[in-house]
Amino acid sequence: MKIIKRLLPVLFSLLLVLALSMLCGCSRTDSSDAEEVLKSELDQLKNLDSDTTQKYISYTEMFPDATENTKLSDEIQNVFSLFFQQFDYKILDVSVDEDKKNAQASLELTTIDAKSLATDFAAELLRTKITEAAQAKAGNIKDSSKSLEGHYLILNQLLTNNKYDSAVTDSTIQLTNKGDGKKEKWEIRRNYSLENDLVGGLMVYLSDPDILSPEDTLTVYFNTLKKMNLEEMSSYLGVVDIMNTSDSVKNSIAEALVEQVHKNFNFKIKTSSVNGYNATVTTEITTFDSNAILSDYQHSLDDYLASPDSVINGSQKRYDKSLDLLLKSIESNTASATSDVDFVLINDGTSWKLQDEGRTLGDAIFGTLTTSPLDDSSDSES
């Protein structure tokens, strides 16, 4: 009996160790099963499996505000292939709750630098919108900046032409056991948070109304303007509306003014301030000296009006001559002027926008030439 009493504690300890071992073994098995499911799914993303990508990343939810395009084009599929070239993962921990039949996995995800990509995308989309607005005013209407496919074409262009660094982020993935109690069947819970994590936060960055600052936004406006051709710039800035003349003369003067912009225009962002949804950006604008042009024009006009030809010519010829003198003053101008201009931008919850941008930029660039210098002179001649 004494021997049995001495053996009982030992036997009890052995049984306890065995029970704990069995429980731990079971937990490890559950954890291992869940981990294998994770590896199986995420490895397919590493291997650029298009079907798996579409299970986790809804191509329509990436740009919810874009015009829906139900067709999954080659360009859209190519975007995801390019994006996931840098994708990798590391499973840090998997914890299983048997009672609730769920598991939680902590991972370290390696993706493309989504914030840099989203910033470039926002800038390129704005550039496209500005260009298409200029083309629309000129009668060439496009809406690629609004379409879902147009958005993906921009992403495709950026991913093809640019090199982006990789970024490492932490992620938590939830799994649910759909098994029948005899056989484990773990499934990953797919939701917006998971989609966003797998693309490095790109979906959140794309919806950030401040992804482009007011200064960055204004810079895009100016750089896009500098690259516009004659037709786009004259329509966008309202150059044609400056002159109240016949169409042929409008075109000649508009062309000369746009050429002056191409020769002289430059800018430098100096300061900015944000107050809620409003921002003021003070910018140093260098453009052609409109006062010098008008001064030269007025001098030439005065000389002409004092000449015998002015008396001989009728009112229409005098008016035509004044147009010719203005055109020559614009074409021969070499003077530039620099001044500070305050631009007001408003954030509408989507992005920062320059209100009535064409007119606002036109006033800053053309100065006193935003009104026709011929109005007064033509009235005085009649």
Protein backbone atom coordinates (compact mmCIF):
# COMPACT_ATOMS: atom_id res chain seq x y z
CA MET A 1 0.00 0.00 0.00
CA LYS A 2 2.86 2.33 0.82
CA ILE A 3 4.39 1.66 -2.59
CA ILE A 4 1.08 2.38 -4.31
CA LYS A 5 0.68 5.61 -2.37
CA ARG A 6 4.14 6.70 -3.44
CA LEU A 7 3.44 5.81 -7.09
CA LEU A 8 0.10 7.65 -7.29
CA PRO A 9 1.60 11.17 -7.50
CA VAL A 10 4.02 9.98 -10.16
CA LEU A 11 1.23 8.35 -12.18
CA PHE A 12 -0.93 11.45 -11.79
CA SER A 13 1.89 13.67 -13.05
CA LEU A 14 2.46 11.40 -16.03
CA LEU A 15 -1.22 11.45 -16.92
CA LEU A 16 -1.31 15.24 -16.61
CA VAL A 17 1.73 15.63 -18.86
CA LEU A 18 0.19 13.23 -21.39
CA ALA A 19 -3.11 15.13 -21.38
CA LEU A 20 -1.38 18.46 -21.83
CA SER A 21 0.72 16.99 -24.59
CA MET A 22 -2.37 15.74 -26.39
CA LEU A 23 -4.06 19.14 -26.05
CA CYS A 24 -1.03 20.99 -27.32
CA GLY A 25 -0.68 18.54 -30.16
CA CYS A 26 -4.29 19.12 -31.12
CA SER A 27 -3.82 22.91 -30.99
CA ARG A 28 -0.71 22.68 -33.09
CA THR A 29 -2.61 20.56 -35.61
CA ASP A 30 -5.41 23.14 -35.82
CA SER A 31 -2.90 25.94 -36.12
CA SER A 32 -0.94 24.04 -38.73
CA ASP A 33 -4.05 23.41 -40.82
CA ALA A 34 -4.99 27.08 -40.76
CA GLU A 35 -1.43 28.07 -41.62
CA GLU A 36 -1.36 25.71 -44.59
CA VAL A 37 -4.51 27.30 -45.97
CA LEU A 38 -2.90 30.73 -45.63
CA LYS A 39 0.22 29.57 -47.45
CA SER A 40 -1.78 27.91 -50.20
CA GLU A 41 -3.77 31.08 -50.93
CA LEU A 42 -1.01 33.66 -50.54
CA ASP A 43 1.51 31.65 -52.53
CA GLN A 44 -0.81 31.96 -55.51
CA LEU A 45 -0.62 35.74 -55.21
CA LYS A 46 3.16 35.46 -55.20
CA ASN A 47 2.93 33.38 -58.34
CA LEU A 48 0.69 35.99 -60.00
CA ASP A 49 -2.33 33.75 -60.29
CA SER A 50 -4.97 35.97 -61.89
CA ASP A 51 -7.96 33.97 -60.62
CA THR A 52 -6.73 34.13 -57.02
CA THR A 53 -6.05 37.84 -57.34
CA GLN A 54 -9.61 38.48 -58.45
CA LYS A 55 -10.94 36.52 -55.46
CA TYR A 56 -9.30 38.96 -53.08
CA ILE A 57 -9.11 42.22 -55.01
CA SER A 58 -12.35 43.55 -56.49
CA TYR A 59 -11.29 45.58 -59.50
CA THR A 60 -14.51 47.60 -59.34
CA GLU A 61 -14.08 48.48 -55.64
CA MET A 62 -10.58 49.82 -56.22
CA PHE A 63 -12.18 52.90 -57.86
CA PRO A 64 -15.77 53.07 -56.57
CA ASP A 65 -16.35 56.55 -58.03
CA ALA A 66 -15.35 55.61 -61.57
CA THR A 67 -17.88 54.84 -64.29
CA GLU A 68 -18.45 51.10 -64.08
CA ASN A 69 -17.04 48.92 -66.80
CA THR A 70 -18.04 45.29 -66.34
CA LYS A 71 -15.56 43.89 -68.83
CA LEU A 72 -12.32 42.64 -67.26
CA SER A 73 -9.92 43.79 -69.96
CA ASP A 74 -6.36 42.66 -70.51
CA GLU A 75 -5.11 46.01 -69.22
CA ILE A 76 -6.86 45.50 -65.88
CA GLN A 77 -5.48 41.99 -65.47
CA ASN A 78 -2.02 43.24 -66.38
CA VAL A 79 -2.19 45.86 -63.62
CA PHE A 80 -2.56 43.22 -60.92
CA SER A 81 0.23 41.12 -62.40
CA LEU A 82 2.54 44.13 -62.29
CA PHE A 83 1.43 45.15 -58.83
CA PHE A 84 2.00 41.76 -57.20
CA GLN A 85 5.47 41.23 -58.65
CA GLN A 86 6.93 42.42 -55.34
CA PHE A 87 4.41 40.64 -53.13
CA ASP A 88 5.68 38.43 -50.32
CA TYR A 89 4.58 37.44 -46.85
CA LYS A 90 5.79 36.05 -43.55
CA ILE A 91 3.45 34.34 -41.09
CA LEU A 92 4.36 35.49 -37.59
CA ASP A 93 1.72 33.73 -35.52
CA VAL A 94 -1.54 31.78 -35.83
CA SER A 95 -3.89 31.45 -32.86
CA VAL A 96 -6.94 29.16 -32.89
CA ASP A 97 -10.15 29.46 -30.88
CA GLU A 98 -11.68 25.98 -31.04
CA ASP A 99 -14.92 26.99 -29.35
CA LYS A 100 -15.64 29.78 -31.80
CA LYS A 101 -14.17 27.80 -34.69
CA ASN A 102 -12.06 30.68 -35.91
CA ALA A 103 -8.41 31.61 -36.12
CA GLN A 104 -6.38 34.77 -36.32
CA ALA A 105 -3.09 35.04 -38.17
CA SER A 106 -0.54 37.80 -37.78
CA LEU A 107 1.52 38.41 -40.90
CA GLU A 108 4.17 40.66 -42.31
CA LEU A 109 3.31 41.63 -45.87
CA THR A 110 5.74 42.96 -48.45
CA THR A 111 4.08 44.95 -51.23
CA ILE A 112 4.85 47.77 -53.62
CA ASP A 113 5.06 51.24 -52.03
CA ALA A 114 1.35 51.90 -52.43
CA LYS A 115 1.42 55.45 -51.09
CA SER A 116 3.90 56.57 -53.75
CA LEU A 117 1.86 54.81 -56.43
CA ALA A 118 -1.37 56.42 -55.21
CA THR A 119 0.26 59.87 -55.19
CA ASP A 120 1.49 59.43 -58.75
CA PHE A 121 -1.92 58.12 -59.79
CA ALA A 122 -3.74 61.12 -58.31
CA ALA A 123 -1.39 63.50 -60.13
CA GLU A 124 -1.76 61.68 -63.45
CA LEU A 125 -5.55 61.46 -63.12
CA LEU A 126 -5.73 65.21 -62.44
CA ARG A 127 -3.47 65.90 -65.43
CA THR A 128 -5.79 63.79 -67.60
CA LYS A 129 -8.87 65.63 -66.31
CA ILE A 130 -7.31 69.03 -67.02
CA THR A 131 -6.22 68.02 -70.51
CA GLU A 132 -9.62 66.53 -71.34
CA ALA A 133 -11.35 69.66 -70.02
CA ALA A 134 -9.22 71.75 -72.38
CA GLN A 135 -9.97 69.41 -75.27
CA ALA A 136 -13.70 69.45 -74.47
CA LYS A 137 -13.77 73.24 -74.63
CA ALA A 138 -12.10 72.96 -78.00
CA GLY A 139 -14.83 70.55 -79.14
CA ASN A 140 -12.92 67.27 -78.71
CA ILE A 141 -14.84 65.53 -75.93
CA LYS A 142 -13.25 62.61 -74.05
CA ASP A 143 -14.14 61.02 -70.73
CA SER A 144 -11.37 58.49 -70.10
CA SER A 145 -10.62 60.18 -66.78
CA LYS A 146 -14.06 59.07 -65.56
CA SER A 147 -14.12 55.47 -66.77
CA LEU A 148 -12.97 52.48 -64.75
CA GLU A 149 -10.85 51.23 -67.62
CA GLY A 150 -9.28 54.69 -67.92
CA HIS A 151 -8.24 54.53 -64.27
CA TYR A 152 -6.59 51.16 -64.79
CA LEU A 153 -4.85 52.36 -67.92
CA ILE A 154 -3.22 55.06 -65.80
CA LEU A 155 -2.15 52.48 -63.20
CA ASN A 156 -0.83 50.25 -65.97
CA GLN A 157 1.18 53.14 -67.40
CA LEU A 158 2.66 54.01 -64.00
CA LEU A 159 3.55 50.43 -63.11
CA THR A 160 5.08 49.86 -66.53
CA ASN A 161 7.14 53.05 -66.72
CA ASN A 162 8.07 53.70 -63.08
CA LYS A 163 10.12 51.79 -60.53
CA TYR A 164 8.61 51.68 -57.05
CA ASP A 165 10.23 50.57 -53.83
CA SER A 166 8.72 47.84 -51.69
CA ALA A 167 7.03 48.46 -48.34
CA VAL A 168 6.53 46.16 -45.34
CA THR A 169 3.30 46.32 -43.35
CA ASP A 170 1.68 44.26 -40.59
CA SER A 171 -1.62 42.54 -41.26
CA THR A 172 -4.11 40.43 -39.35
CA ILE A 173 -6.10 37.82 -41.26
CA GLN A 174 -9.18 36.08 -39.88
CA LEU A 175 -10.03 32.47 -40.74
CA THR A 176 -13.17 30.44 -40.09
CA ASN A 177 -13.39 26.66 -39.66
CA LYS A 178 -16.15 25.38 -41.95
CA GLY A 179 -15.39 21.76 -41.10
CA ASP A 180 -17.90 19.20 -39.83
CA GLY A 181 -16.00 18.38 -36.64
CA LYS A 182 -14.30 15.36 -38.16
CA LYS A 183 -12.32 17.20 -40.82
CA GLU A 184 -10.91 20.70 -40.66
CA LYS A 185 -11.82 23.12 -43.44
CA TRP A 186 -10.31 26.55 -42.87
CA GLU A 187 -11.34 29.47 -45.03
CA ILE A 188 -9.97 33.00 -45.11
CA ARG A 189 -12.51 35.73 -44.40
CA ARG A 190 -12.45 38.10 -47.34
CA ASN A 191 -13.34 41.72 -46.59
CA TYR A 192 -12.33 45.28 -47.46
CA SER A 193 -9.63 45.35 -44.78
CA LEU A 194 -7.97 42.24 -46.21
CA GLU A 195 -8.16 43.58 -49.78
CA ASN A 196 -6.57 46.82 -48.67
CA ASP A 197 -3.80 45.02 -46.73
CA LEU A 198 -2.92 42.79 -49.67
CA VAL A 199 -2.35 45.84 -51.89
CA GLY A 200 -0.33 47.65 -49.24
CA GLY A 201 -3.09 50.10 -48.33
CA LEU A 202 -3.58 51.27 -51.92
CA MET A 203 -7.37 51.37 -51.66
CA VAL A 204 -7.26 53.70 -48.66
CA TYR A 205 -4.56 55.86 -50.22
CA LEU A 206 -6.55 56.22 -53.44
CA SER A 207 -9.56 57.47 -51.49
CA ASP A 208 -7.52 59.94 -49.42
CA PRO A 209 -8.68 63.48 -50.37
CA ASP A 210 -5.32 64.83 -49.19
CA ILE A 211 -3.10 62.39 -51.12
CA LEU A 212 -2.14 65.47 -53.17
CA SER A 213 -1.53 68.57 -51.08
CA PRO A 214 -2.84 71.96 -52.28
CA GLU A 215 0.72 72.80 -53.40
CA ASP A 216 1.05 69.50 -55.30
CA THR A 217 -2.35 70.01 -56.87
CA LEU A 218 -1.51 73.50 -58.12
CA THR A 219 1.82 72.22 -59.44
CA VAL A 220 -0.03 69.65 -61.57
CA TYR A 221 -2.25 72.41 -62.97
CA PHE A 222 0.75 74.53 -63.96
CA ASN A 223 2.86 71.70 -65.40
CA THR A 224 -0.09 70.45 -67.45
CA LEU A 225 -0.75 73.95 -68.73
CA LYS A 226 2.87 74.35 -69.88
CA LYS A 227 2.50 71.26 -72.10
CA MET A 228 -0.76 72.24 -73.78
CA ASN A 229 -0.80 72.99 -77.47
CA LEU A 230 -2.28 76.15 -78.99
CA GLU A 231 -5.83 74.89 -79.32
CA GLU A 232 -5.95 73.36 -75.83
CA MET A 233 -4.40 76.33 -74.03
CA SER A 234 -6.38 79.02 -75.85
CA SER A 235 -9.64 77.17 -75.14
CA TYR A 236 -8.80 76.23 -71.54
CA LEU A 237 -7.65 79.72 -70.54
CA GLY A 238 -10.31 81.54 -72.51
CA VAL A 239 -7.82 83.32 -74.76
CA VAL A 240 -10.31 83.38 -77.62
CA ASP A 241 -12.77 85.23 -75.40
CA ILE A 242 -10.23 87.96 -74.68
CA MET A 243 -10.60 89.52 -78.12
CA ASN A 244 -13.92 90.74 -79.48
CA THR A 245 -12.89 90.53 -83.12
CA SER A 246 -13.47 88.46 -86.22
CA ASP A 247 -12.54 84.78 -85.95
CA SER A 248 -9.44 84.96 -88.15
CA VAL A 249 -7.94 87.76 -86.10
CA LYS A 250 -8.92 86.01 -82.88
CA ASN A 251 -6.92 83.00 -83.94
CA SER A 252 -3.85 85.05 -84.85
CA ILE A 253 -3.84 87.02 -81.60
CA ALA A 254 -4.65 83.91 -79.53
CA GLU A 255 -1.77 82.08 -81.17
CA ALA A 256 0.60 84.94 -80.44
CA LEU A 257 -0.49 85.10 -76.79
CA VAL A 258 -0.09 81.36 -76.29
CA GLU A 259 3.37 81.56 -77.83
CA GLN A 260 4.18 84.27 -75.29
CA VAL A 261 3.06 81.92 -72.51
CA HIS A 262 5.26 79.12 -73.84
CA LYS A 263 8.24 81.48 -73.96
CA ASN A 264 7.82 83.19 -70.60
CA PHE A 265 5.62 81.24 -68.20
CA ASN A 266 7.11 79.81 -65.06
CA PHE A 267 6.05 79.45 -61.44
CA LYS A 268 7.34 78.91 -57.94
CA ILE A 269 5.22 77.83 -54.98
CA LYS A 270 6.08 80.11 -52.05
CA THR A 271 3.69 79.52 -49.15
CA SER A 272 0.40 77.80 -48.41
CA SER A 273 -2.16 77.77 -45.64
CA VAL A 274 -5.08 75.43 -45.01
CA ASN A 275 -8.24 76.37 -43.16
CA GLY A 276 -10.64 73.45 -43.10
CA TYR A 277 -11.71 72.71 -46.65
CA ASN A 278 -10.09 75.86 -48.05
CA ALA A 279 -6.46 76.44 -48.92
CA THR A 280 -4.58 79.48 -50.16
CA VAL A 281 -1.37 78.93 -52.09
CA THR A 282 0.81 81.94 -52.77
CA THR A 283 2.70 81.44 -56.01
CA GLU A 284 5.32 83.49 -57.79
CA ILE A 285 4.15 83.73 -61.40
CA THR A 286 6.46 84.74 -64.22
CA THR A 287 4.75 85.49 -67.51
CA PHE A 288 4.93 87.92 -70.41
CA ASP A 289 4.69 91.59 -69.44
CA SER A 290 1.16 92.47 -70.54
CA ASN A 291 1.64 96.09 -69.51
CA ALA A 292 4.67 96.35 -71.79
CA ILE A 293 2.65 94.94 -74.66
CA LEU A 294 -0.22 97.36 -74.09
CA SER A 295 2.15 100.29 -73.72
CA ASP A 296 3.87 99.46 -77.02
CA TYR A 297 0.49 98.94 -78.67
CA GLN A 298 -0.87 102.27 -77.40
CA HIS A 299 2.24 104.11 -78.58
CA SER A 300 1.97 102.56 -82.06
CA LEU A 301 -1.76 103.28 -82.18
CA ASP A 302 -1.28 106.93 -81.19
CA ASP A 303 1.32 107.37 -83.93
CA TYR A 304 -1.02 105.84 -86.47
CA LEU A 305 -4.02 107.90 -85.42
CA ALA A 306 -1.91 111.04 -85.76
CA SER A 307 -0.86 110.12 -89.30
CA PRO A 308 -2.56 111.20 -92.57
CA ASP A 309 -3.39 107.54 -93.33
CA SER A 310 -5.68 107.43 -90.33
CA VAL A 311 -7.67 110.35 -91.68
CA ILE A 312 -7.85 108.87 -95.17
CA ASN A 313 -8.84 105.37 -94.01
CA GLY A 314 -12.38 104.67 -92.98
CA SER A 315 -13.41 103.41 -89.54
CA GLN A 316 -13.22 99.73 -90.55
CA LYS A 317 -9.67 100.11 -91.92
CA ARG A 318 -8.64 101.97 -88.78
CA TYR A 319 -10.07 99.14 -86.69
CA ASP A 320 -8.29 96.51 -88.79
CA LYS A 321 -5.05 98.47 -88.47
CA SER A 322 -5.41 98.58 -84.69
CA LEU A 323 -5.71 94.80 -84.65
CA ASP A 324 -2.60 94.49 -86.74
CA LEU A 325 -0.69 96.81 -84.41
CA LEU A 326 -1.77 94.80 -81.36
CA LEU A 327 -0.68 91.57 -83.00
CA LYS A 328 2.75 93.03 -83.81
CA SER A 329 3.13 94.29 -80.24
CA ILE A 330 2.42 90.81 -78.90
CA GLU A 331 4.70 89.04 -81.36
CA SER A 332 7.64 91.40 -80.79
CA ASN A 333 7.42 91.40 -77.00
CA THR A 334 10.48 90.14 -75.09
CA ALA A 335 9.64 91.54 -71.65
CA SER A 336 8.50 89.34 -68.79
CA ALA A 337 7.02 90.20 -65.40
CA THR A 338 6.94 88.43 -62.04
CA SER A 339 4.31 88.82 -59.36
CA ASP A 340 2.82 86.93 -56.43
CA VAL A 341 -0.66 85.49 -56.91
CA ASP A 342 -2.89 83.87 -54.29
CA PHE A 343 -4.75 80.81 -55.57
CA VAL A 344 -7.68 79.46 -53.57
CA LEU A 345 -8.37 75.73 -53.66
CA ILE A 346 -11.32 73.86 -52.16
CA ASN A 347 -11.37 70.25 -50.97
CA ASP A 348 -14.71 68.70 -51.92
CA GLY A 349 -14.05 65.52 -49.95
CA THR A 350 -12.46 63.84 -52.96
CA SER A 351 -9.47 66.06 -53.70
CA TRP A 352 -8.23 69.64 -53.77
CA LYS A 353 -9.59 71.60 -56.71
CA LEU A 354 -8.91 75.02 -58.18
CA GLN A 355 -12.28 76.67 -58.68
CA ASP A 356 -13.05 77.94 -62.20
CA GLU A 357 -9.51 76.90 -63.02
CA GLY A 358 -9.39 78.09 -66.62
CA ARG A 359 -10.49 81.62 -65.82
CA THR A 360 -8.42 81.78 -62.61
CA LEU A 361 -5.23 80.69 -64.34
CA GLY A 362 -5.99 82.88 -67.36
CA ASP A 363 -6.28 85.99 -65.19
CA ALA A 364 -2.96 85.19 -63.49
CA ILE A 365 -1.11 84.53 -66.74
CA PHE A 366 -2.56 87.18 -69.08
CA GLY A 367 -2.90 89.98 -66.55
CA THR A 368 -4.39 93.13 -68.06
CA LEU A 369 -4.88 91.36 -71.39
CA THR A 370 -7.83 89.44 -69.95
CA THR A 371 -9.94 92.31 -71.29
CA SER A 372 -9.73 93.57 -74.83
CA PRO A 373 -7.54 96.67 -75.24
CA LEU A 374 -9.52 97.43 -78.39
CA ASP A 375 -12.84 98.10 -76.68
CA ASP A 376 -12.09 101.70 -75.77
CA SER A 377 -10.19 102.52 -78.93
CA SER A 378 -12.91 101.18 -81.22
CA ASP A 379 -15.54 103.20 -79.42
CA SER A 380 -13.54 106.39 -79.66
CA GLU A 381 -13.14 106.02 -83.43
CA SER A 382 -16.79 105.68 -84.33
